[in-house]
PDB file of N, CA and C in Angstrom:
ATOM      1  N   MET A   1    -104.759  34.830 -67.121  1.00  0.00           N
ATOM      2  CA  MET A   1    -105.949  34.093 -66.798  1.00  0.00           C
ATOM      3  C   MET A   1    -107.142  34.559 -66.654  1.00  0.00           C
ATOM      4  N   ALA A   2    -107.532  35.891 -67.004  1.00  0.00           N
ATOM      5  CA  ALA A   2    -108.485  36.954 -66.871  1.00  0.00           C
ATOM      6  C   ALA A   2    -110.154  36.565 -67.400  1.00  0.00           C
ATOM      7  N   GLU A   3    -109.218  36.000 -68.810  1.00  0.00           N
ATOM      8  CA  GLU A   3    -110.197  36.029 -69.551  1.00  0.00           C
ATOM      9  C   GLU A   3    -110.548  34.207 -69.399  1.00  0.00           C
ATOM     10  N   SER A   4    -109.527  32.941 -68.225  1.00  0.00           N
ATOM     11  CA  SER A   4    -110.395  31.399 -68.390  1.00  0.00           C
ATOM     12  C   SER A   4    -111.609  31.331 -67.897  1.00  0.00           C
ATOM     13  N   ASP A   5    -112.196  30.807 -68.551  1.00  0.00           N
ATOM     14  CA  ASP A   5    -113.638  30.313 -68.049  1.00  0.00           C
ATOM     15  C   ASP A   5    -113.800  29.249 -67.185  1.00  0.00           C
ATOM     16  N   TYR A   6    -112.767  28.460 -66.551  1.00  0.00           N
ATOM     17  CA  TYR A   6    -113.182  27.784 -65.368  1.00  0.00           C
ATOM     18  C   TYR A   6    -113.228  27.775 -64.637  1.00  0.00           C
ATOM     19  N   VAL A   7    -114.179  27.574 -64.179  1.00  0.00           N
ATOM     20  CA  VAL A   7    -114.795  27.950 -62.414  1.00  0.00           C
ATOM     21  C   VAL A   7    -113.998  26.321 -61.903  1.00  0.00           C
ATOM     22  N   PHE A   8    -113.727  26.800 -60.786  1.00  0.00           N
ATOM     23  CA  PHE A   8    -113.083  26.467 -59.786  1.00  0.00           C
ATOM     24  C   PHE A   8    -113.594  24.996 -59.768  1.00  0.00           C
ATOM     25  N   GLY A   9    -113.359  24.457 -58.941  1.00  0.00           N
ATOM     26  CA  GLY A   9    -113.660  22.670 -58.582  1.00  0.00           C
ATOM     27  C   GLY A   9    -114.299  21.941 -60.118  1.00  0.00           C
ATOM     28  N   GLU A  10    -114.407  22.070 -61.203  1.00  0.00           N
ATOM     29  CA  GLU A  10    -115.005  21.859 -61.450  1.00  0.00           C
ATOM     30  C   GLU A  10    -114.597  20.622 -62.309  1.00  0.00           C
ATOM     31  N   MET A  11    -113.609  20.530 -62.052  1.00  0.00           N
ATOM     32  CA  MET A  11    -112.485  18.946 -62.938  1.00  0.00           C
ATOM     33  C   MET A  11    -112.809  18.148 -61.623  1.00  0.00           C
ATOM     34  N   ASP A  12    -113.309  17.124 -61.514  1.00  0.00           N
ATOM     35  CA  ASP A  12    -112.997  15.734 -60.962  1.00  0.00           C
ATOM     36  C   ASP A  12    -111.084  15.386 -60.277  1.00  0.00           C
ATOM     37  N   VAL A  13    -110.988  14.380 -59.723  1.00  0.00           N
ATOM     38  CA  VAL A  13    -110.057  14.228 -59.204  1.00  0.00           C
ATOM     39  C   VAL A  13    -109.463  13.057 -60.338  1.00  0.00           C
ATOM     40  N   THR A  14    -110.240  12.131 -61.106  1.00  0.00           N
ATOM     41  CA  THR A  14    -109.615  11.899 -62.093  1.00  0.00           C
ATOM     42  C   THR A  14    -109.527  12.194 -63.472  1.00  0.00           C
ATOM     43  N   GLU A  15    -110.197  13.507 -63.578  1.00  0.00           N
ATOM     44  CA  GLU A  15    -110.373  14.301 -65.128  1.00  0.00           C
ATOM     45  C   GLU A  15    -109.272  15.347 -63.969  1.00  0.00           C
ATOM     46  N   GLN A  16    -108.022  15.738 -63.103  1.00  0.00           N
ATOM     47  CA  GLN A  16    -106.698  15.727 -62.888  1.00  0.00           C
ATOM     48  C   GLN A  16    -105.782  15.527 -62.923  1.00  0.00           C
ATOM     49  N   LYS A  17    -105.775  14.435 -62.548  1.00  0.00           N
ATOM     50  CA  LYS A  17    -104.896  13.246 -62.980  1.00  0.00           C
ATOM     51  C   LYS A  17    -104.579  13.569 -64.220  1.00  0.00           C
ATOM     52  N   THR A  18    -105.491  12.423 -65.299  1.00  0.00           N
ATOM     53  CA  THR A  18    -106.467  12.155 -66.244  1.00  0.00           C
ATOM     54  C   THR A  18    -104.650  13.933 -66.987  1.00  0.00           C
ATOM     55  N   THR A  19    -105.556  14.996 -67.060  1.00  0.00           N
ATOM     56  CA  THR A  19    -105.116  16.054 -67.343  1.00  0.00           C
ATOM     57  C   THR A  19    -102.905  16.625 -67.184  1.00  0.00           C
ATOM     58  N   TYR A  20    -103.054  15.768 -65.901  1.00  0.00           N
ATOM     59  CA  TYR A  20    -101.926  16.392 -65.418  1.00  0.00           C
ATOM     60  C   TYR A  20    -100.917  15.186 -65.832  1.00  0.00           C
ATOM     61  N   GLU A  21    -101.158  14.065 -66.439  1.00  0.00           N
ATOM     62  CA  GLU A  21    -100.013  13.478 -67.141  1.00  0.00           C
ATOM     63  C   GLU A  21    -100.143  12.612 -68.597  1.00  0.00           C
ATOM     64  N   ARG A  22    -100.988  14.075 -68.871  1.00  0.00           N
ATOM     65  CA  ARG A  22    -100.914  14.168 -70.442  1.00  0.00           C
ATOM     66  C   ARG A  22     -99.988  15.537 -70.274  1.00  0.00           C
ATOM     67  N   VAL A  23     -99.628  16.418 -69.539  1.00  0.00           N
ATOM     68  CA  VAL A  23     -99.210  17.656 -70.215  1.00  0.00           C
ATOM     69  C   VAL A  23     -97.938  17.043 -69.707  1.00  0.00           C
ATOM     70  N   MET A  24     -97.240  16.152 -68.037  1.00  0.00           N
ATOM     71  CA  MET A  24     -96.277  15.485 -67.895  1.00  0.00           C
ATOM     72  C   MET A  24     -95.603  14.882 -69.090  1.00  0.00           C
ATOM     73  N   GLY A  25     -96.349  14.130 -69.820  1.00  0.00           N
ATOM     74  CA  GLY A  25     -95.781  13.170 -71.320  1.00  0.00           C
ATOM     75  C   GLY A  25     -95.945  14.485 -71.822  1.00  0.00           C
ATOM     76  N   PHE A  26     -95.908  14.929 -71.989  1.00  0.00           N
ATOM     77  CA  PHE A  26     -95.613  15.770 -73.374  1.00  0.00           C
ATOM     78  C   PHE A  26     -94.917  16.880 -72.571  1.00  0.00           C
ATOM     79  N   GLY A  27     -94.535  16.746 -71.325  1.00  0.00           N
ATOM     80  CA  GLY A  27     -93.493  17.946 -71.692  1.00  0.00           C
ATOM     81  C   GLY A  27     -92.201  17.269 -71.645  1.00  0.00           C
ATOM     82  N   SER A  28     -92.218  15.615 -71.167  1.00  0.00           N
ATOM     83  CA  SER A  28     -90.480  15.019 -70.787  1.00  0.00           C
ATOM     84  C   SER A  28     -90.655  14.632 -72.700  1.00  0.00           C
ATOM     85  N   ARG A  29     -91.331  14.030 -72.956  1.00  0.00           N
ATOM     86  CA  ARG A  29     -91.214  13.295 -74.269  1.00  0.00           C
ATOM     87  C   ARG A  29     -90.635  14.413 -74.889  1.00  0.00           C
ATOM     88  N   HIS A  30     -91.616  15.670 -75.098  1.00  0.00           N
ATOM     89  CA  HIS A  30     -91.381  16.999 -76.371  1.00  0.00           C
ATOM     90  C   HIS A  30     -90.098  18.139 -75.580  1.00  0.00           C
ATOM     91  N   GLY A  31     -91.149  18.027 -74.468  1.00  0.00           N
ATOM     92  CA  GLY A  31     -89.954  19.906 -73.691  1.00  0.00           C
ATOM     93  C   GLY A  31     -88.785  18.939 -73.974  1.00  0.00           C
ATOM     94  N   VAL A  32     -87.803  18.601 -73.238  1.00  0.00           N
ATOM     95  CA  VAL A  32     -86.783  17.691 -73.207  1.00  0.00           C
ATOM     96  C   VAL A  32     -85.921  17.886 -74.456  1.00  0.00           C
ATOM     97  N   GLY A  33     -86.008  17.045 -74.994  1.00  0.00           N
ATOM     98  CA  GLY A  33     -85.310  16.667 -76.537  1.00  0.00           C
ATOM     99  C   GLY A  33     -85.624  18.284 -76.575  1.00  0.00           C
ATOM    100  N   ILE A  34     -86.926  18.604 -77.035  1.00  0.00           N
ATOM    101  CA  ILE A  34     -86.640  20.528 -77.573  1.00  0.00           C
ATOM    102  C   ILE A  34     -85.707  21.213 -77.250  1.00  0.00           C
ATOM    103  N   SER A  35     -85.419  21.354 -76.029  1.00  0.00           N
ATOM    104  CA  SER A  35     -84.871  22.445 -75.355  1.00  0.00           C
ATOM    105  C   SER A  35     -83.192  22.178 -75.249  1.00  0.00           C
ATOM    106  N   LEU A  36     -83.319  20.412 -75.953  1.00  0.00           N
ATOM    107  CA  LEU A  36     -81.727  19.777 -75.873  1.00  0.00           C
ATOM    108  C   LEU A  36     -81.180  20.179 -77.227  1.00  0.00           C
ATOM    109  N   GLY A  37     -82.372  20.059 -78.348  1.00  0.00           N
ATOM    110  CA  GLY A  37     -82.068  20.248 -79.536  1.00  0.00           C
ATOM    111  C   GLY A  37     -81.917  21.544 -79.723  1.00  0.00           C
ATOM    112  N   LEU A  38     -82.265  22.538 -79.228  1.00  0.00           N
ATOM    113  CA  LEU A  38     -82.828  24.233 -79.197  1.00  0.00           C
ATOM    114  C   LEU A  38     -80.729  24.866 -78.534  1.00  0.00           C
ATOM    115  N   SER A  39     -80.388  23.913 -77.679  1.00  0.00           N
ATOM    116  CA  SER A  39     -79.092  23.656 -76.857  1.00  0.00           C
ATOM    117  C   SER A  39     -77.814  23.674 -77.673  1.00  0.00           C
ATOM    118  N   VAL A  40     -77.959  22.492 -78.549  1.00  0.00           N
ATOM    119  CA  VAL A  40     -77.147  22.464 -79.535  1.00  0.00           C
ATOM    120  C   VAL A  40     -76.445  23.453 -80.463  1.00  0.00           C
ATOM    121  N   PHE A  41     -78.419  23.635 -80.749  1.00  0.00           N
ATOM    122  CA  PHE A  41     -78.043  24.386 -82.211  1.00  0.00           C
ATOM    123  C   PHE A  41     -77.479  25.155 -81.934  1.00  0.00           C
ATOM    124  N   PHE A  42     -77.329  26.075 -80.901  1.00  0.00           N
ATOM    125  CA  PHE A  42     -76.982  27.730 -80.033  1.00  0.00           C
ATOM    126  C   PHE A  42     -75.820  26.995 -80.741  1.00  0.00           C
ATOM    127  N   THR A  43     -74.996  26.005 -79.907  1.00  0.00           N
ATOM    128  CA  THR A  43     -74.285  25.790 -79.458  1.00  0.00           C
ATOM    129  C   THR A  43     -73.207  25.508 -80.217  1.00  0.00           C
ATOM    130  N   LEU A  44     -73.698  24.759 -81.158  1.00  0.00           N
ATOM    131  CA  LEU A  44     -72.863  24.297 -83.044  1.00  0.00           C
ATOM    132  C   LEU A  44     -72.557  26.199 -83.686  1.00  0.00           C
ATOM    133  N   LEU A  45     -73.844  26.606 -83.989  1.00  0.00           N
ATOM    134  CA  LEU A  45     -73.807  28.087 -84.447  1.00  0.00           C
ATOM    135  C   LEU A  45     -72.647  29.298 -83.625  1.00  0.00           C
ATOM    136  N   LEU A  46     -72.311  29.159 -82.393  1.00  0.00           N
ATOM    137  CA  LEU A  46     -71.822  30.189 -81.503  1.00  0.00           C
ATOM    138  C   LEU A  46     -69.957  29.504 -81.856  1.00  0.00           C
ATOM    139  N   ILE A  47     -69.885  27.851 -82.205  1.00  0.00           N
ATOM    140  CA  ILE A  47     -68.019  27.327 -82.738  1.00  0.00           C
ATOM    141  C   ILE A  47     -68.153  27.467 -84.028  1.00  0.00           C
ATOM    142  N   LYS A  48     -69.003  28.144 -84.628  1.00  0.00           N
ATOM    143  CA  LYS A  48     -69.047  28.099 -85.834  1.00  0.00           C
ATOM    144  C   LYS A  48     -68.858  26.705 -86.888  1.00  0.00           C
ATOM    145  N   SER A  49     -69.698  26.165 -86.547  1.00  0.00           N
ATOM    146  CA  SER A  49     -69.985  24.919 -87.528  1.00  0.00           C
ATOM    147  C   SER A  49     -71.176  24.874 -88.579  1.00  0.00           C
ATOM    148  N   GLY A  50     -71.551  25.395 -88.800  1.00  0.00           N
ATOM    149  CA  GLY A  50     -72.485  25.561 -90.030  1.00  0.00           C
ATOM    150  C   GLY A  50     -73.596  25.996 -89.446  1.00  0.00           C
ATOM    151  N   LEU A  51     -74.783  26.556 -90.579  1.00  0.00           N
ATOM    152  CA  LEU A  51     -76.374  26.171 -90.493  1.00  0.00           C
ATOM    153  C   LEU A  51     -76.633  24.738 -90.556  1.00  0.00           C
ATOM    154  N   ILE A  52     -76.448  24.593 -91.649  1.00  0.00           N
ATOM    155  CA  ILE A  52     -76.834  22.931 -91.801  1.00  0.00           C
ATOM    156  C   ILE A  52     -75.985  21.818 -90.501  1.00  0.00           C
ATOM    157  N   ALA A  53     -75.881  22.289 -90.195  1.00  0.00           N
ATOM    158  CA  ALA A  53     -74.393  21.413 -89.345  1.00  0.00           C
ATOM    159  C   ALA A  53     -75.686  21.683 -87.367  1.00  0.00           C
ATOM    160  N   ALA A  54     -76.074  22.575 -87.907  1.00  0.00           N
ATOM    161  CA  ALA A  54     -76.742  23.247 -87.006  1.00  0.00           C
ATOM    162  C   ALA A  54     -78.432  22.877 -86.321  1.00  0.00           C
ATOM    163  N   PHE A  55     -78.215  22.579 -87.609  1.00  0.00           N
ATOM    164  CA  PHE A  55     -79.665  21.936 -87.806  1.00  0.00           C
ATOM    165  C   PHE A  55     -79.271  20.027 -87.549  1.00  0.00           C
ATOM    166  N   PHE A  56     -79.112  20.163 -88.360  1.00  0.00           N
ATOM    167  CA  PHE A  56     -78.850  18.683 -88.257  1.00  0.00           C
ATOM    168  C   PHE A  56     -78.194  17.726 -86.817  1.00  0.00           C
ATOM    169  N   GLY A  57     -77.780  18.264 -86.001  1.00  0.00           N
ATOM    170  CA  GLY A  57     -76.349  18.348 -84.402  1.00  0.00           C
ATOM    171  C   GLY A  57     -78.289  18.227 -83.854  1.00  0.00           C
ATOM    172  N   ALA A  58     -78.915  19.873 -83.959  1.00  0.00           N
ATOM    173  CA  ALA A  58     -80.361  19.832 -83.581  1.00  0.00           C
ATOM    174  C   ALA A  58     -81.147  18.210 -83.684  1.00  0.00           C
ATOM    175  N   LEU A  59     -81.393  18.397 -84.462  1.00  0.00           N
ATOM    176  CA  LEU A  59     -82.664  17.261 -85.147  1.00  0.00           C
ATOM    177  C   LEU A  59     -82.136  15.768 -84.692  1.00  0.00           C
ATOM    178  N   ILE A  60     -80.955  15.390 -84.839  1.00  0.00           N
ATOM    179  CA  ILE A  60     -80.011  14.286 -84.276  1.00  0.00           C
ATOM    180  C   ILE A  60     -80.447  14.478 -82.440  1.00  0.00           C
ATOM    181  N   THR A  61     -79.807  15.153 -81.967  1.00  0.00           N
ATOM    182  CA  THR A  61     -80.130  15.785 -80.332  1.00  0.00           C
ATOM    183  C   THR A  61     -81.938  15.196 -79.954  1.00  0.00           C
ATOM    184  N   TYR A  62     -82.064  15.581 -80.645  1.00  0.00           N
ATOM    185  CA  TYR A  62     -84.170  15.659 -80.461  1.00  0.00           C
ATOM    186  C   TYR A  62     -84.507  13.969 -80.684  1.00  0.00           C
ATOM    187  N   ILE A  63     -83.719  13.543 -81.857  1.00  0.00           N
ATOM    188  CA  ILE A  63     -84.502  12.352 -81.963  1.00  0.00           C
ATOM    189  C   ILE A  63     -84.421  10.861 -81.020  1.00  0.00           C
ATOM    190  N   VAL A  64     -83.106  11.216 -80.403  1.00  0.00           N
ATOM    191  CA  VAL A  64     -81.739  10.334 -79.247  1.00  0.00           C
ATOM    192  C   VAL A  64     -82.591  11.160 -78.287  1.00  0.00           C
ATOM    193  N   THR A  65     -82.474  11.989 -78.012  1.00  0.00           N
ATOM    194  CA  THR A  65     -82.871  12.179 -76.302  1.00  0.00           C
ATOM    195  C   THR A  65     -85.112  11.900 -76.326  1.00  0.00           C
ATOM    196  N   TYR A  66     -85.561  11.981 -77.487  1.00  0.00           N
ATOM    197  CA  TYR A  66     -87.278  11.351 -77.564  1.00  0.00           C
ATOM    198  C   TYR A  66     -87.020   9.928 -77.447  1.00  0.00           C
ATOM    199  N   PHE A  67     -85.717   9.536 -78.149  1.00  0.00           N
ATOM    200  CA  PHE A  67     -85.862   7.370 -77.248  1.00  0.00           C
ATOM    201  C   PHE A  67     -86.122   7.309 -75.889  1.00  0.00           C
ATOM    202  N   ILE A  68     -84.226   7.510 -75.950  1.00  0.00           N
ATOM    203  CA  ILE A  68     -84.102   7.498 -74.012  1.00  0.00           C
ATOM    204  C   ILE A  68     -84.897   8.260 -73.396  1.00  0.00           C
ATOM    205  N   VAL A  69     -85.402   9.125 -73.457  1.00  0.00           N
ATOM    206  CA  VAL A  69     -86.768   9.623 -72.181  1.00  0.00           C
ATOM    207  C   VAL A  69     -88.558   8.329 -72.899  1.00  0.00           C
ATOM    208  N   LYS A  70     -88.739   7.751 -74.059  1.00  0.00           N
ATOM    209  CA  LYS A  70     -89.075   6.962 -73.687  1.00  0.00           C
ATOM    210  C   LYS A  70     -88.680   6.185 -73.591  1.00  0.00           C
ATOM    211  N   MET A  71     -87.647   5.644 -73.499  1.00  0.00           N
ATOM    212  CA  MET A  71     -87.212   4.314 -73.274  1.00  0.00           C
ATOM    213  C   MET A  71     -87.541   4.393 -71.166  1.00  0.00           C
ATOM    214  N   PHE A  72     -87.148   5.021 -71.132  1.00  0.00           N
ATOM    215  CA  PHE A  72     -86.532   5.489 -69.748  1.00  0.00           C
ATOM    216  C   PHE A  72     -88.055   5.052 -68.852  1.00  0.00           C
ATOM    217  N   PHE A  73     -89.640   5.778 -69.508  1.00  0.00           N
ATOM    218  CA  PHE A  73     -90.619   6.193 -69.155  1.00  0.00           C
ATOM    219  C   PHE A  73     -92.073   5.040 -69.082  1.00  0.00           C
ATOM    220  N   THR A  74     -91.163   3.953 -70.245  1.00  0.00           N
ATOM    221  CA  THR A  74     -92.069   2.981 -70.497  1.00  0.00           C
ATOM    222  C   THR A  74     -90.999   1.725 -69.070  1.00  0.00           C
ATOM    223  N   HIS A  75     -92.797   0.683 -68.816  1.00  0.00           N
ATOM    224  CA  HIS A  75     -92.379   0.270 -67.680  1.00  0.00           C
ATOM    225  C   HIS A  75     -92.787  -1.103 -67.627  1.00  0.00           C
TER     226      HIS A  75
END
């Protein structure tokens, strides 16, 4: 953080809220899917399903999770 050029109090409340919503939106839509996809990938590797099956399992998990989270947050 020493190389950060952020000045305390530089952003107003609306900019802070926008930044927070964007970061949390990206984290929930993509971060959850990537985390679960990696978990499935390594689990399938550990049970010796093969590299291709592990890759496709992770991909399917990411896609399904992405749409579930997207449907959950759209209201």
